[in-house]
Structure formats: structure tokens, C-alpha cells
């Protein structure tokens, strides 16, 4: 895996690349609070058959785009950033590309594909965050009244600074969301998700996604995700978690006038790409019409 930077007006997008020249292009979009490199154990085995890319979203990983929680732009900015990446990859490949994504990254991929179907060959979605209008309105009211999602409250309290990367791994191993992850994912998350801490000790690191930015992502519900899901025209596969799914409006996908496969992954949580990477890869191969 190598990295390159895609320059934008307000900074750079850091993009991981698992190169396979001449193969179909796949871009994978990551979840809130994580980073592109987190999914290395999922994506590396695909590299022989796909030219794989995964960008660090705004405020995450090694991207340097503006990310100030005091001037939070909303999730449509993730859509716009992703469209910029996809335009670049399509120009480079000379053809439409495949999009995959998890959680917030899945939502951004849906919104991008709905707005620019001319760029997208198809989608594979792992428990994307798709929230019905009524739930969005309730969330807005809660936020305006001084409340917030439990996820946002917990994210804001997350420890940011650590003595070294190894301490982060030890602290997270077997705890919280990480306890169901297969081997390699946590290490990849830390490798791509911490930076040297300015003014700290020799090995001191800080989370690349600031807790306040992660919390702002959880709290924001201004975007419409159900409309883009209904308007999808490209073929897609929707994989949902059996427990704690964030795909709250399956009907939106069922109404889409596109070739589709919708399934619940038995035994999975919201972190199904980390729990069942073989199944996610199989669906990517199937959607692209390739033998895995």
C-alpha cells in the first residue's frame, strides 16, 4: 500500500492505493472516527483483481482539509469531497469506478452516486448511515435543546493524546467496538489514525481525528440521506448489521429503481467489515461480476 496526496483548495486529501494496473477501480470510504488504512486487512486481498483506493476523509487520517468543529460544514461536504476524488480516479482510469463504503463512508458514497451516477459503476455498502426524516428532525431538536447523541457525547470525551502508538493498541484491544474485530484491523486503524503530537515527547501521538470533530459528525443531521438512496440508478449491494444497524431506512433502498441486493449479515454488528471481511469481499466481487 502506498499513499499520495490530492491537492484541494483548502488542503490535501491523503489517499491509500493498493495498485493493480489495468484492473477495475474500487474506492472504499471509511466510517466516522476511523481512517482509510483501518480497512487494509479488507482491501489488501482485493488488490490482485482491483485497483483499490481509499481516501482519508476530511478531519481524518492524514488528510489536511479544513476541519474546524466551530465551522462544521455537514455531511454534504463529505459527498462533495468524495465526488472530487472519484472524478480524479475516473479521469485517470478512463471509465466509471466502483464505490464501497462503511457507515458514514457508505452514506457519502450513496450521496455521491445519486448526484453523479455518470461516474459510478456500482456500489457495495456496509451498514451505511441512512436516517429517516422523522429521526433526523428529532435529532436536530435534541441538539438545539442542548442535548446530543450518546455516541457524540462519548466521542467528545475520547482520550486524544497518548505516550506512543503501542499504548493506544493495548488500551483498545478487546474493548468496546474493537472487541469483535478480526486480527489486523486495530493495528491498521492506529497506523493510519495517529500523528506525532506537537510539543510532545519523542514517541507521543495524538488521534488524527480530533474527538470534537468526530462528535460533530455524530451530532450533525442536516443532510438528507434517504432521498439519495431512493434516487440511486446504479446497481448496488446493501449489507446491513444484524445488531445495532445504522441503516434506519431500508425502504429508501427498496424504492430505488436499480438492480439491487439487500441482505442482513447474521451475527454482525455495525462493524461488519471488520468482523466479516471475507463476506464483504465476496459481495464486492459479485457486484463487479468477478470471480473472487
Protein backbone atom coordinates (compact mmCIF):
# COMPACT_ATOMS: atom_id res chain seq x y z
CA UNK A 1 0.00 0.00 0.00
CA UNK A 2 1.24 3.46 -0.92
CA UNK A 3 -0.10 6.96 -0.31
CA UNK A 4 -0.42 10.04 -2.46
CA UNK A 5 -1.91 13.49 -1.92
CA UNK A 6 -4.72 15.01 -3.96
CA UNK A 7 -4.48 18.79 -3.66
CA UNK A 8 -7.66 20.77 -2.98
CA UNK A 9 -8.26 24.48 -2.34
CA UNK A 10 -8.30 24.06 1.45
CA UNK A 11 -5.68 21.34 1.88
CA UNK A 12 -4.77 17.87 0.69
CA UNK A 13 -6.66 14.57 0.62
CA UNK A 14 -4.43 11.65 1.59
CA UNK A 15 -5.29 8.57 -0.46
CA UNK A 16 -4.17 4.99 0.13
CA UNK A 17 -3.53 2.98 -3.04
CA UNK A 18 -3.24 -0.78 -3.47
CA UNK A 19 -2.07 -0.79 -7.07
CA UNK A 20 -3.20 -3.23 -9.77
CA UNK A 21 -2.74 -1.53 -13.13
CA UNK A 22 -5.45 -2.19 -15.69
CA UNK A 23 -7.91 -3.69 -13.21
CA UNK A 24 -11.36 -2.28 -12.32
CA UNK A 25 -11.05 0.67 -9.94
CA UNK A 26 -12.61 0.47 -6.47
CA UNK A 27 -12.76 3.26 -3.91
CA UNK A 28 -13.59 2.44 -0.29
CA UNK A 29 -14.88 5.16 2.07
CA UNK A 30 -14.35 4.79 5.81
CA UNK A 31 -16.51 5.33 8.90
CA UNK A 32 -16.58 8.37 11.18
CA UNK A 33 -13.62 8.49 13.55
CA UNK A 34 -11.61 5.90 11.63
CA UNK A 35 -9.43 6.27 8.53
CA UNK A 36 -8.73 4.68 5.17
CA UNK A 37 -5.87 2.50 6.41
CA UNK A 38 -8.16 0.86 9.00
CA UNK A 39 -9.55 -1.30 6.19
CA UNK A 40 -6.17 -2.58 4.97
CA UNK A 41 -6.96 -6.20 6.01
CA UNK A 42 -10.19 -5.98 3.99
CA UNK A 43 -8.71 -4.30 0.93
CA UNK A 44 -5.25 -5.83 0.51
CA UNK A 45 -6.62 -9.22 -0.68
CA UNK A 46 -8.62 -7.39 -3.37
CA UNK A 47 -5.57 -5.75 -4.89
CA UNK A 48 -4.82 -8.54 -7.34
CA UNK A 49 -8.18 -8.06 -9.05
CA UNK A 50 -8.99 -4.40 -8.36
CA UNK A 51 -7.05 -1.16 -8.48
CA UNK A 52 -8.01 -0.14 -4.93
CA UNK A 53 -8.10 3.36 -3.46
CA UNK A 54 -9.27 4.63 -0.08
CA UNK A 55 -9.16 8.31 0.88
CA UNK A 56 -8.88 9.74 4.36
CA UNK A 57 -11.99 11.87 4.79
CA UNK A 58 -11.88 15.49 5.89
CA UNK A 59 -10.72 15.68 9.50
CA UNK A 60 -9.45 12.08 9.48
CA UNK A 61 -6.19 10.25 8.93
CA UNK A 62 -3.50 12.18 7.09
CA UNK A 63 -5.77 14.48 5.07
CA UNK A 64 -5.20 18.18 5.78
CA UNK A 65 -8.51 19.65 4.57
CA UNK A 66 -10.06 22.29 6.84
CA UNK A 67 -11.86 20.59 9.74
CA UNK A 68 -12.94 23.09 12.39
CA UNK A 69 -15.90 21.90 14.52
CA UNK A 70 -16.83 25.55 15.10
CA UNK A 71 -17.48 25.88 11.36
CA UNK A 72 -18.83 22.41 10.70
CA UNK A 73 -19.96 22.03 7.04
CA UNK A 74 -22.27 18.99 7.36
CA UNK A 75 -22.16 15.60 5.68
CA UNK A 76 -22.80 17.02 2.22
CA UNK A 77 -19.19 18.21 2.36
CA UNK A 78 -18.10 14.57 2.57
CA UNK A 79 -20.18 13.89 -0.53
CA UNK A 80 -18.53 16.79 -2.35
CA UNK A 81 -15.03 15.75 -1.26
CA UNK A 82 -15.71 12.19 -2.40
CA UNK A 83 -17.00 13.35 -5.78
CA UNK A 84 -13.73 15.22 -6.24
CA UNK A 85 -11.77 12.04 -5.52
CA UNK A 86 -13.98 9.96 -7.82
CA UNK A 87 -13.64 12.49 -10.64
CA UNK A 88 -9.87 12.24 -10.32
CA UNK A 89 -9.92 8.43 -10.35
CA UNK A 90 -12.33 8.28 -13.29
CA UNK A 91 -10.16 10.66 -15.29
CA UNK A 92 -7.14 8.50 -14.50
CA UNK A 93 -8.89 5.22 -15.36
CA UNK A 94 -10.89 6.49 -18.33
CA UNK A 95 -14.02 4.74 -17.07
CA UNK A 96 -16.58 4.60 -14.27
CA UNK A 97 -15.39 3.20 -10.96
CA UNK A 98 -16.87 1.05 -8.19
CA UNK A 99 -17.64 2.58 -4.81
CA UNK A 100 -17.72 0.83 -1.46
CA UNK A 101 -18.16 2.28 1.97
CA UNK A 102 -18.87 1.68 5.63
CA UNK A 103 -21.11 3.72 7.94
CA UNK A 104 -20.55 7.44 7.22
CA UNK A 105 -18.44 6.45 4.22
CA UNK A 106 -21.33 4.37 2.91
CA UNK A 107 -23.66 7.34 3.26
CA UNK A 108 -21.21 9.62 1.44
CA UNK A 109 -20.92 7.02 -1.33
CA UNK A 110 -24.71 6.85 -1.69
CA UNK A 111 -24.98 10.63 -1.91
CA UNK A 112 -22.11 10.83 -4.41
CA UNK A 113 -23.55 8.07 -6.61
CA UNK A 114 -27.00 9.67 -6.58
CA UNK A 115 -25.60 13.06 -7.59
CA UNK A 116 -23.04 11.77 -10.14
CA UNK A 117 -24.19 8.40 -11.49
CA UNK A 118 -22.11 9.12 -14.60
CA UNK A 119 -19.01 8.40 -12.52
CA UNK A 120 -20.12 5.24 -10.71
CA UNK A 121 -20.32 1.65 -11.99
CA UNK A 122 -21.99 0.36 -8.83
CA UNK A 123 -21.96 0.30 -5.03
CA UNK A 124 -21.25 -2.12 -2.19
CA UNK A 125 -22.43 -0.67 1.12
CA UNK A 126 -21.61 -1.96 4.60
CA UNK A 127 -24.22 -0.71 7.07
CA UNK A 128 -24.37 2.88 5.75
CA UNK A 129 -25.83 5.59 7.98
CA UNK A 130 -29.23 6.25 6.41
CA UNK A 131 -31.64 8.04 8.76
CA UNK A 132 -35.36 8.66 8.06
CA UNK A 133 -36.63 12.24 8.03
CA UNK A 134 -38.54 11.91 11.31
CA UNK A 135 -35.45 10.69 13.16
CA UNK A 136 -33.36 13.47 11.62
CA UNK A 137 -35.84 16.10 12.83
CA UNK A 138 -35.90 14.64 16.33
CA UNK A 139 -32.11 14.63 16.41
CA UNK A 140 -31.98 18.27 15.34
CA UNK A 141 -34.41 19.26 18.08
CA UNK A 142 -32.39 17.37 20.69
CA UNK A 143 -29.18 19.07 19.57
CA UNK A 144 -30.74 22.55 19.54
CA UNK A 145 -32.04 22.00 23.06
CA UNK A 146 -28.56 21.28 24.33
CA UNK A 147 -28.65 17.52 24.06
CA UNK A 148 -26.66 15.17 21.90
CA UNK A 149 -26.32 11.59 20.77
CA UNK A 150 -24.68 9.25 23.25
CA UNK A 151 -22.16 8.42 20.52
CA UNK A 152 -21.31 12.11 20.16
CA UNK A 153 -21.03 12.64 23.91
CA UNK A 154 -18.70 9.66 24.24
CA UNK A 155 -16.64 10.71 21.22
CA UNK A 156 -16.11 14.18 22.67
CA UNK A 157 -14.71 12.59 25.84
CA UNK A 158 -12.33 10.30 23.97
CA UNK A 159 -8.69 10.50 25.01
CA UNK A 160 -6.74 12.18 22.21
CA UNK A 161 -3.09 12.17 23.35
CA UNK A 162 -1.05 9.05 24.07
CA UNK A 163 2.58 8.31 25.04
CA UNK A 164 3.01 6.12 21.93
CA UNK A 165 1.06 4.14 19.34
CA UNK A 166 1.64 0.82 21.11
CA UNK A 167 -0.16 2.15 24.19
CA UNK A 168 -3.17 3.01 22.03
CA UNK A 169 -3.30 -0.55 20.71
CA UNK A 170 -3.00 -2.06 24.19
CA UNK A 171 -5.71 0.25 25.55
CA UNK A 172 -8.19 -0.57 22.78
CA UNK A 173 -7.55 -4.31 22.40
CA UNK A 174 -10.62 -6.32 23.37
CA UNK A 175 -12.58 -3.24 24.44
CA UNK A 176 -15.72 -1.53 23.17
CA UNK A 177 -16.23 -1.56 19.43
CA UNK A 178 -12.86 -3.24 18.90
CA UNK A 179 -13.61 -6.49 20.71
CA UNK A 180 -15.27 -8.16 17.70
CA UNK A 181 -12.70 -7.07 15.10
CA UNK A 182 -10.59 -9.66 13.32
CA UNK A 183 -6.81 -9.57 13.65
CA UNK A 184 -5.00 -6.73 11.93
CA UNK A 185 -7.77 -4.14 11.81
CA UNK A 186 -6.96 -2.43 15.12
CA UNK A 187 -3.27 -2.18 14.26
CA UNK A 188 -4.17 -0.75 10.84
CA UNK A 189 -6.54 1.75 12.48
CA UNK A 190 -3.77 3.01 14.76
CA UNK A 191 -1.15 3.07 11.98
CA UNK A 192 -3.39 5.32 9.91
CA UNK A 193 -5.08 7.18 12.73
CA UNK A 194 -2.42 8.77 14.95
CA UNK A 195 0.03 11.59 14.32
CA UNK A 196 3.06 12.88 16.24
CA UNK A 197 1.91 15.30 18.93
CA UNK A 198 3.33 18.79 18.51
CA UNK A 199 5.35 19.66 21.59
CA UNK A 200 5.10 16.14 22.98
CA UNK A 201 7.77 13.59 23.72
CA UNK A 202 9.70 11.64 21.12
CA UNK A 203 7.01 8.99 20.61
CA UNK A 204 3.94 10.90 21.81
CA UNK A 205 0.99 10.71 19.43
CA UNK A 206 -2.48 12.21 19.10
CA UNK A 207 -5.57 10.91 17.34
CA UNK A 208 -5.68 12.19 13.76
CA UNK A 209 -9.46 12.57 14.02
CA UNK A 210 -9.96 15.07 16.83
CA UNK A 211 -12.63 13.95 19.31
CA UNK A 212 -14.53 17.22 18.80
CA UNK A 213 -14.66 16.60 15.04
CA UNK A 214 -15.83 13.02 15.47
CA UNK A 215 -18.54 14.25 17.86
CA UNK A 216 -19.65 16.94 15.38
CA UNK A 217 -20.11 14.26 12.73
CA UNK A 218 -22.31 12.22 15.04
CA UNK A 219 -24.41 15.22 16.05
CA UNK A 220 -25.00 16.66 12.58
CA UNK A 221 -28.21 15.58 10.85
CA UNK A 222 -28.77 18.38 8.33
CA UNK A 223 -28.20 16.17 5.32
CA UNK A 224 -30.89 14.14 3.57
CA UNK A 225 -29.68 10.57 3.10
CA UNK A 226 -32.97 8.83 2.30
CA UNK A 227 -33.61 10.88 -0.84
CA UNK A 228 -30.28 9.94 -2.45
CA UNK A 229 -30.87 6.27 -1.54
CA UNK A 230 -34.25 6.35 -3.30
CA UNK A 231 -32.73 8.06 -6.34
CA UNK A 232 -29.95 5.53 -6.89
CA UNK A 233 -29.76 4.43 -10.51
CA UNK A 234 -26.57 2.37 -10.34
CA UNK A 235 -26.58 -1.30 -9.24
CA UNK A 236 -25.86 -1.76 -5.57
CA UNK A 237 -25.45 -4.28 -2.77
CA UNK A 238 -26.57 -3.29 0.72
CA UNK A 239 -25.14 -5.29 3.64
CA UNK A 240 -26.75 -4.48 6.99
CA UNK A 241 -25.77 -5.36 10.53
CA UNK A 242 -27.96 -7.80 12.40
CA UNK A 243 -27.39 -5.89 15.65
CA UNK A 244 -27.25 -2.11 16.02
CA UNK A 245 -27.63 -1.28 12.33
CA UNK A 246 -27.36 2.38 11.32
CA UNK A 247 -29.31 1.75 8.12
CA UNK A 248 -32.56 3.03 9.58
CA UNK A 249 -34.47 3.35 6.30
CA UNK A 250 -34.25 0.16 4.27
CA UNK A 251 -37.38 1.23 2.40
CA UNK A 252 -35.44 4.03 0.72
CA UNK A 253 -33.17 1.45 -0.90
CA UNK A 254 -36.06 -0.83 -1.83
CA UNK A 255 -37.68 2.06 -3.70
CA UNK A 256 -34.57 2.70 -5.79
CA UNK A 257 -35.02 1.87 -9.46
CA UNK A 258 -31.79 -0.04 -9.75
CA UNK A 259 -30.54 -3.60 -9.73
CA UNK A 260 -30.05 -4.38 -6.08
CA UNK A 261 -29.25 -6.95 -3.42
CA UNK A 262 -30.24 -6.25 0.19
CA UNK A 263 -29.17 -8.56 2.99
CA UNK A 264 -28.69 -8.72 6.75
CA UNK A 265 -25.40 -10.32 7.79
CA UNK A 266 -26.13 -12.85 10.53
CA UNK A 267 -24.12 -12.35 13.69
CA UNK A 268 -22.79 -8.96 12.64
CA UNK A 269 -22.70 -5.60 14.38
CA UNK A 270 -22.26 -2.18 12.81
CA UNK A 271 -18.59 -3.10 12.38
CA UNK A 272 -19.31 -5.91 9.94
CA UNK A 273 -16.38 -5.10 7.58
CA UNK A 274 -14.01 -5.78 10.48
CA UNK A 275 -15.97 -8.85 11.61
CA UNK A 276 -16.74 -10.45 8.24
CA UNK A 277 -14.20 -9.12 5.71
CA UNK A 278 -14.46 -12.29 3.61
CA UNK A 279 -18.19 -11.72 3.12
CA UNK A 280 -17.69 -8.07 2.19
CA UNK A 281 -15.02 -9.02 -0.34
CA UNK A 282 -17.29 -11.69 -1.80
CA UNK A 283 -20.03 -9.12 -2.34
CA UNK A 284 -17.58 -6.74 -3.99
CA UNK A 285 -16.51 -9.48 -6.41
CA UNK A 286 -20.11 -10.45 -7.09
CA UNK A 287 -21.28 -6.89 -7.72
CA UNK A 288 -18.39 -6.28 -10.10
CA UNK A 289 -19.05 -9.56 -11.90
CA UNK A 290 -15.70 -11.07 -11.00
CA UNK A 291 -14.78 -14.43 -9.50
CA UNK A 292 -13.15 -13.95 -6.11
